[in-house]
Amino acid sequence: MTRSATRPICSRRSASSPTSTSQTATRAKAFYLRGEPFDGRETIFSAYSRGQRMVRDRRHKLIEYCVEGVRTTQLFDLDADPLEMRNLADDPAERGALARLRDELRTWRARVDDPVVW
């Protein structure tokens, strides 16, 4: 998520904007020059349009949205499926990842006072 995309939510709730892309890139270069790994952020959140919300970590990506009263959930294993072709939301083996990411998304939405109701 870019800084400009988050500015309305952050300014509306007096929260600070996330670190800019250029600041993150500068930190990554400093780690590289010292020969140290730079892992970036643990999770990334996104809000798109009037109701699509997303959270991703190093391995999984969760997208949730509602269209005409029908809630849709998409879960992808980005290591095994980088093109996001196989939705794992109904896969019993991925229940843990789904619950964890839903909890992180719920916490983030509460923190930014997200007005979308599903």
N, C-alpha and C. Protein backbone atom coordinates (compact mmCIF):
# COMPACT_ATOMS: atom_id res chain seq x y z
N MET A 1 0.85 -1.16 0.00
CA MET A 1 0.00 0.00 0.00
C MET A 1 0.90 1.23 0.00
N THR A 2 0.59 2.16 -0.83
CA THR A 2 1.41 3.36 -0.89
C THR A 2 0.97 4.35 0.17
N ARG A 3 1.83 5.28 0.47
CA ARG A 3 1.53 6.27 1.49
C ARG A 3 0.32 7.10 1.11
N SER A 4 0.23 7.51 -0.16
CA SER A 4 -0.89 8.34 -0.58
C SER A 4 -2.22 7.61 -0.44
N ALA A 5 -2.22 6.30 -0.60
CA ALA A 5 -3.46 5.53 -0.47
C ALA A 5 -3.93 5.47 0.97
N THR A 6 -3.02 5.60 1.92
CA THR A 6 -3.40 5.51 3.33
C THR A 6 -3.63 6.86 3.96
N ARG A 7 -3.21 7.91 3.32
CA ARG A 7 -3.28 9.24 3.93
C ARG A 7 -4.68 9.62 4.39
N PRO A 8 -5.77 9.39 3.61
CA PRO A 8 -7.08 9.80 4.10
C PRO A 8 -7.47 9.11 5.40
N ILE A 9 -7.21 7.83 5.53
CA ILE A 9 -7.54 7.13 6.76
C ILE A 9 -6.68 7.63 7.90
N CYS A 10 -5.38 7.80 7.65
CA CYS A 10 -4.48 8.23 8.71
C CYS A 10 -4.79 9.64 9.17
N SER A 11 -5.02 10.56 8.24
CA SER A 11 -5.27 11.93 8.64
C SER A 11 -6.62 12.06 9.33
N ARG A 12 -7.59 11.26 8.91
CA ARG A 12 -8.91 11.33 9.50
C ARG A 12 -8.89 10.89 10.96
N ARG A 13 -8.03 9.97 11.31
CA ARG A 13 -7.99 9.43 12.66
C ARG A 13 -6.75 9.88 13.42
N SER A 14 -6.04 10.86 12.94
CA SER A 14 -4.85 11.39 13.60
C SER A 14 -3.79 10.32 13.83
N ALA A 15 -3.72 9.35 12.96
CA ALA A 15 -2.68 8.33 13.06
C ALA A 15 -1.54 8.73 12.13
N SER A 16 -0.37 8.24 12.40
CA SER A 16 0.75 8.57 11.54
C SER A 16 0.71 7.70 10.29
N SER A 17 1.15 8.27 9.18
CA SER A 17 1.22 7.52 7.93
C SER A 17 2.34 6.51 8.03
N PRO A 18 2.22 5.38 7.33
CA PRO A 18 3.29 4.39 7.36
C PRO A 18 4.55 4.94 6.71
N THR A 19 5.66 4.27 6.96
CA THR A 19 6.92 4.66 6.37
C THR A 19 6.79 4.70 4.86
N SER A 20 7.33 5.73 4.26
CA SER A 20 7.22 5.86 2.81
C SER A 20 8.05 4.80 2.10
N THR A 21 7.71 4.57 0.85
CA THR A 21 8.44 3.59 0.04
C THR A 21 9.90 3.98 -0.08
N SER A 22 10.19 5.28 -0.25
CA SER A 22 11.58 5.72 -0.40
C SER A 22 12.37 5.50 0.89
N GLN A 23 11.72 5.69 2.06
CA GLN A 23 12.41 5.44 3.33
C GLN A 23 12.70 3.95 3.49
N THR A 24 11.76 3.11 3.10
CA THR A 24 11.96 1.67 3.18
C THR A 24 13.10 1.25 2.25
N ALA A 25 13.12 1.80 1.04
CA ALA A 25 14.18 1.47 0.08
C ALA A 25 15.53 1.92 0.60
N THR A 26 15.59 3.08 1.23
CA THR A 26 16.85 3.58 1.79
C THR A 26 17.35 2.66 2.89
N ARG A 27 16.44 2.19 3.76
CA ARG A 27 16.84 1.26 4.82
C ARG A 27 17.33 -0.06 4.22
N ALA A 28 16.66 -0.52 3.18
CA ALA A 28 17.06 -1.78 2.53
C ALA A 28 18.46 -1.65 1.95
N LYS A 29 18.77 -0.51 1.33
CA LYS A 29 20.10 -0.29 0.77
C LYS A 29 21.16 -0.28 1.85
N ALA A 30 20.85 0.32 3.00
CA ALA A 30 21.81 0.36 4.10
C ALA A 30 22.11 -1.04 4.60
N PHE A 31 21.09 -1.88 4.72
CA PHE A 31 21.31 -3.27 5.13
C PHE A 31 22.17 -3.99 4.10
N TYR A 32 21.86 -3.78 2.82
CA TYR A 32 22.61 -4.43 1.74
C TYR A 32 24.07 -4.03 1.78
N LEU A 33 24.35 -2.75 1.95
CA LEU A 33 25.73 -2.27 1.97
C LEU A 33 26.51 -2.83 3.16
N ARG A 34 25.81 -3.12 4.25
CA ARG A 34 26.48 -3.73 5.42
C ARG A 34 26.55 -5.24 5.29
N GLY A 35 25.97 -5.80 4.24
CA GLY A 35 25.97 -7.25 4.06
C GLY A 35 24.97 -7.97 4.93
N GLU A 36 23.93 -7.26 5.40
CA GLU A 36 22.92 -7.85 6.27
C GLU A 36 21.62 -8.02 5.50
N PRO A 37 20.85 -9.05 5.83
CA PRO A 37 19.56 -9.23 5.14
C PRO A 37 18.56 -8.18 5.60
N PHE A 38 17.70 -7.76 4.70
CA PHE A 38 16.61 -6.84 5.03
C PHE A 38 15.31 -7.54 4.72
N ASP A 39 14.52 -7.77 5.75
CA ASP A 39 13.29 -8.53 5.59
C ASP A 39 12.06 -7.65 5.38
N GLY A 40 12.18 -6.35 5.55
CA GLY A 40 11.03 -5.48 5.33
C GLY A 40 9.97 -5.67 6.40
N ARG A 41 8.74 -5.46 6.03
CA ARG A 41 7.62 -5.56 6.96
C ARG A 41 7.14 -7.00 7.08
N GLU A 42 6.63 -7.33 8.26
CA GLU A 42 6.08 -8.68 8.48
C GLU A 42 4.74 -8.85 7.78
N THR A 43 3.90 -7.82 7.83
CA THR A 43 2.59 -7.87 7.19
C THR A 43 2.33 -6.56 6.46
N ILE A 44 1.52 -6.66 5.42
CA ILE A 44 1.11 -5.50 4.64
C ILE A 44 -0.41 -5.52 4.55
N PHE A 45 -1.03 -4.37 4.75
CA PHE A 45 -2.48 -4.25 4.70
C PHE A 45 -2.86 -3.33 3.55
N SER A 46 -4.05 -3.56 3.00
CA SER A 46 -4.53 -2.73 1.91
C SER A 46 -6.04 -2.60 1.94
N ALA A 47 -6.53 -1.43 1.55
CA ALA A 47 -7.96 -1.19 1.39
C ALA A 47 -8.17 -0.72 -0.03
N TYR A 48 -9.09 -1.35 -0.73
CA TYR A 48 -9.35 -1.00 -2.12
C TYR A 48 -10.83 -0.78 -2.32
N SER A 49 -11.15 0.25 -3.01
CA SER A 49 -12.52 0.57 -3.38
C SER A 49 -13.42 0.66 -2.16
N ARG A 50 -14.65 0.22 -2.31
CA ARG A 50 -15.63 0.39 -1.23
C ARG A 50 -15.74 -0.80 -0.30
N GLY A 51 -14.83 -1.73 -0.36
CA GLY A 51 -15.01 -2.85 0.56
C GLY A 51 -13.99 -3.94 0.48
N GLN A 52 -13.08 -3.91 -0.45
CA GLN A 52 -12.08 -4.97 -0.53
C GLN A 52 -10.96 -4.66 0.44
N ARG A 53 -10.64 -5.64 1.28
CA ARG A 53 -9.55 -5.50 2.24
C ARG A 53 -8.59 -6.66 2.08
N MET A 54 -7.29 -6.39 2.31
CA MET A 54 -6.27 -7.40 2.08
C MET A 54 -5.21 -7.31 3.16
N VAL A 55 -4.70 -8.47 3.54
CA VAL A 55 -3.52 -8.56 4.39
C VAL A 55 -2.65 -9.67 3.82
N ARG A 56 -1.35 -9.44 3.84
CA ARG A 56 -0.43 -10.49 3.41
C ARG A 56 0.76 -10.51 4.33
N ASP A 57 1.30 -11.70 4.48
CA ASP A 57 2.54 -11.85 5.22
C ASP A 57 3.56 -12.45 4.26
N ARG A 58 4.61 -13.00 4.78
CA ARG A 58 5.66 -13.52 3.90
C ARG A 58 5.19 -14.70 3.04
N ARG A 59 4.19 -15.42 3.50
CA ARG A 59 3.76 -16.60 2.76
C ARG A 59 2.34 -16.54 2.22
N HIS A 60 1.40 -15.96 2.96
CA HIS A 60 -0.01 -16.00 2.58
C HIS A 60 -0.58 -14.62 2.28
N LYS A 61 -1.63 -14.61 1.49
CA LYS A 61 -2.37 -13.39 1.18
C LYS A 61 -3.86 -13.67 1.35
N LEU A 62 -4.52 -12.82 2.14
CA LEU A 62 -5.95 -12.94 2.38
C LEU A 62 -6.64 -11.71 1.80
N ILE A 63 -7.68 -11.94 0.99
CA ILE A 63 -8.49 -10.87 0.43
C ILE A 63 -9.93 -11.15 0.82
N GLU A 64 -10.62 -10.14 1.35
CA GLU A 64 -12.03 -10.30 1.69
C GLU A 64 -12.80 -9.11 1.17
N TYR A 65 -14.00 -9.39 0.65
CA TYR A 65 -14.87 -8.33 0.14
C TYR A 65 -16.30 -8.85 0.07
N CYS A 66 -17.23 -7.92 -0.10
CA CYS A 66 -18.64 -8.26 -0.14
C CYS A 66 -19.25 -7.61 -1.39
N VAL A 67 -19.95 -8.40 -2.19
CA VAL A 67 -20.63 -7.91 -3.38
C VAL A 67 -22.09 -8.35 -3.31
N GLU A 68 -22.98 -7.37 -3.34
CA GLU A 68 -24.42 -7.63 -3.29
C GLU A 68 -24.80 -8.55 -2.13
N GLY A 69 -24.21 -8.29 -0.96
CA GLY A 69 -24.54 -9.04 0.23
C GLY A 69 -23.84 -10.37 0.38
N VAL A 70 -23.00 -10.75 -0.56
CA VAL A 70 -22.28 -12.03 -0.50
C VAL A 70 -20.81 -11.76 -0.16
N ARG A 71 -20.40 -12.27 1.00
CA ARG A 71 -19.00 -12.10 1.42
C ARG A 71 -18.13 -13.13 0.72
N THR A 72 -17.02 -12.66 0.19
CA THR A 72 -16.09 -13.52 -0.52
C THR A 72 -14.74 -13.49 0.17
N THR A 73 -14.15 -14.66 0.33
CA THR A 73 -12.83 -14.78 0.95
C THR A 73 -11.91 -15.51 -0.02
N GLN A 74 -10.72 -14.96 -0.20
CA GLN A 74 -9.70 -15.60 -1.02
C GLN A 74 -8.43 -15.70 -0.18
N LEU A 75 -7.82 -16.87 -0.17
CA LEU A 75 -6.57 -17.10 0.54
C LEU A 75 -5.61 -17.78 -0.41
N PHE A 76 -4.40 -17.25 -0.49
CA PHE A 76 -3.39 -17.80 -1.40
C PHE A 76 -2.10 -18.08 -0.65
N ASP A 77 -1.45 -19.18 -1.01
CA ASP A 77 -0.11 -19.50 -0.53
C ASP A 77 0.84 -18.97 -1.58
N LEU A 78 1.49 -17.85 -1.29
CA LEU A 78 2.31 -17.17 -2.29
C LEU A 78 3.60 -17.92 -2.62
N ASP A 79 4.05 -18.80 -1.73
CA ASP A 79 5.22 -19.61 -2.04
C ASP A 79 4.87 -20.67 -3.08
N ALA A 80 3.77 -21.37 -2.87
CA ALA A 80 3.36 -22.45 -3.77
C ALA A 80 2.60 -21.96 -5.00
N ASP A 81 1.99 -20.76 -4.89
CA ASP A 81 1.11 -20.25 -5.95
C ASP A 81 1.31 -18.74 -6.12
N PRO A 82 2.47 -18.32 -6.62
CA PRO A 82 2.75 -16.88 -6.72
C PRO A 82 1.80 -16.13 -7.67
N LEU A 83 1.14 -16.82 -8.57
CA LEU A 83 0.21 -16.16 -9.49
C LEU A 83 -1.22 -16.10 -8.94
N GLU A 84 -1.40 -16.59 -7.73
CA GLU A 84 -2.69 -16.56 -7.03
C GLU A 84 -3.81 -17.18 -7.86
N MET A 85 -3.61 -18.40 -8.27
CA MET A 85 -4.58 -19.12 -9.10
C MET A 85 -5.45 -20.08 -8.30
N ARG A 86 -4.99 -20.50 -7.11
CA ARG A 86 -5.72 -21.50 -6.33
C ARG A 86 -6.16 -20.91 -4.99
N ASN A 87 -7.46 -20.71 -4.85
CA ASN A 87 -8.02 -20.18 -3.62
C ASN A 87 -8.06 -21.27 -2.55
N LEU A 88 -7.39 -21.04 -1.43
CA LEU A 88 -7.30 -22.03 -0.36
C LEU A 88 -8.23 -21.72 0.82
N ALA A 89 -9.16 -20.79 0.65
CA ALA A 89 -10.02 -20.37 1.77
C ALA A 89 -10.83 -21.52 2.35
N ASP A 90 -11.19 -22.50 1.54
CA ASP A 90 -11.98 -23.64 2.03
C ASP A 90 -11.14 -24.88 2.32
N ASP A 91 -9.83 -24.76 2.23
CA ASP A 91 -8.94 -25.90 2.45
C ASP A 91 -8.72 -26.09 3.95
N PRO A 92 -9.13 -27.25 4.51
CA PRO A 92 -8.97 -27.49 5.95
C PRO A 92 -7.52 -27.37 6.43
N ALA A 93 -6.57 -27.67 5.57
CA ALA A 93 -5.16 -27.57 5.95
C ALA A 93 -4.71 -26.13 6.16
N GLU A 94 -5.47 -25.18 5.65
CA GLU A 94 -5.10 -23.76 5.75
C GLU A 94 -5.94 -22.99 6.77
N ARG A 95 -6.71 -23.70 7.59
CA ARG A 95 -7.56 -23.03 8.59
C ARG A 95 -6.76 -22.14 9.53
N GLY A 96 -5.59 -22.60 9.93
CA GLY A 96 -4.74 -21.80 10.83
C GLY A 96 -4.31 -20.49 10.21
N ALA A 97 -3.84 -20.56 8.96
CA ALA A 97 -3.42 -19.35 8.26
C ALA A 97 -4.60 -18.40 8.06
N LEU A 98 -5.75 -18.96 7.70
CA LEU A 98 -6.95 -18.14 7.49
C LEU A 98 -7.36 -17.43 8.78
N ALA A 99 -7.39 -18.16 9.89
CA ALA A 99 -7.78 -17.56 11.17
C ALA A 99 -6.78 -16.49 11.61
N ARG A 100 -5.49 -16.76 11.44
CA ARG A 100 -4.46 -15.81 11.85
C ARG A 100 -4.55 -14.52 11.04
N LEU A 101 -4.68 -14.65 9.72
CA LEU A 101 -4.75 -13.45 8.88
C LEU A 101 -6.06 -12.69 9.08
N ARG A 102 -7.15 -13.40 9.30
CA ARG A 102 -8.43 -12.71 9.59
C ARG A 102 -8.31 -11.91 10.88
N ASP A 103 -7.65 -12.48 11.87
CA ASP A 103 -7.46 -11.78 13.14
C ASP A 103 -6.59 -10.54 12.94
N GLU A 104 -5.52 -10.66 12.17
CA GLU A 104 -4.66 -9.50 11.90
C GLU A 104 -5.43 -8.42 11.13
N LEU A 105 -6.23 -8.85 10.15
CA LEU A 105 -7.02 -7.89 9.38
C LEU A 105 -8.05 -7.20 10.27
N ARG A 106 -8.70 -7.95 11.12
CA ARG A 106 -9.70 -7.40 12.05
C ARG A 106 -9.05 -6.36 12.97
N THR A 107 -7.88 -6.69 13.50
CA THR A 107 -7.16 -5.77 14.39
C THR A 107 -6.78 -4.49 13.65
N TRP A 108 -6.25 -4.63 12.45
CA TRP A 108 -5.87 -3.45 11.66
C TRP A 108 -7.08 -2.58 11.35
N ARG A 109 -8.18 -3.21 10.94
CA ARG A 109 -9.39 -2.45 10.60
C ARG A 109 -9.92 -1.68 11.81
N ALA A 110 -9.83 -2.28 12.99
CA ALA A 110 -10.26 -1.58 14.21
C ALA A 110 -9.33 -0.42 14.51
N ARG A 111 -8.03 -0.63 14.30
CA ARG A 111 -7.04 0.42 14.59
C ARG A 111 -7.23 1.64 13.70
N VAL A 112 -7.57 1.43 12.42
CA VAL A 112 -7.74 2.56 11.50
C VAL A 112 -9.19 3.01 11.42
N ASP A 113 -10.05 2.39 12.22
CA ASP A 113 -11.48 2.72 12.25
C ASP A 113 -12.09 2.59 10.86
N ASP A 114 -11.86 1.44 10.24
CA ASP A 114 -12.37 1.16 8.90
C ASP A 114 -13.90 1.17 8.92
N PRO A 115 -14.53 1.98 8.09
CA PRO A 115 -16.00 2.10 8.12
C PRO A 115 -16.75 0.98 7.39
N VAL A 116 -16.04 0.13 6.66
CA VAL A 116 -16.71 -0.92 5.87
C VAL A 116 -17.29 -1.98 6.81
N VAL A 117 -18.55 -2.32 6.56
CA VAL A 117 -19.23 -3.37 7.32
C VAL A 117 -19.60 -4.48 6.37
N TRP A 118 -19.26 -5.73 6.73
CA TRP A 118 -19.61 -6.86 5.88
C TRP A 118 -20.83 -7.52 6.41
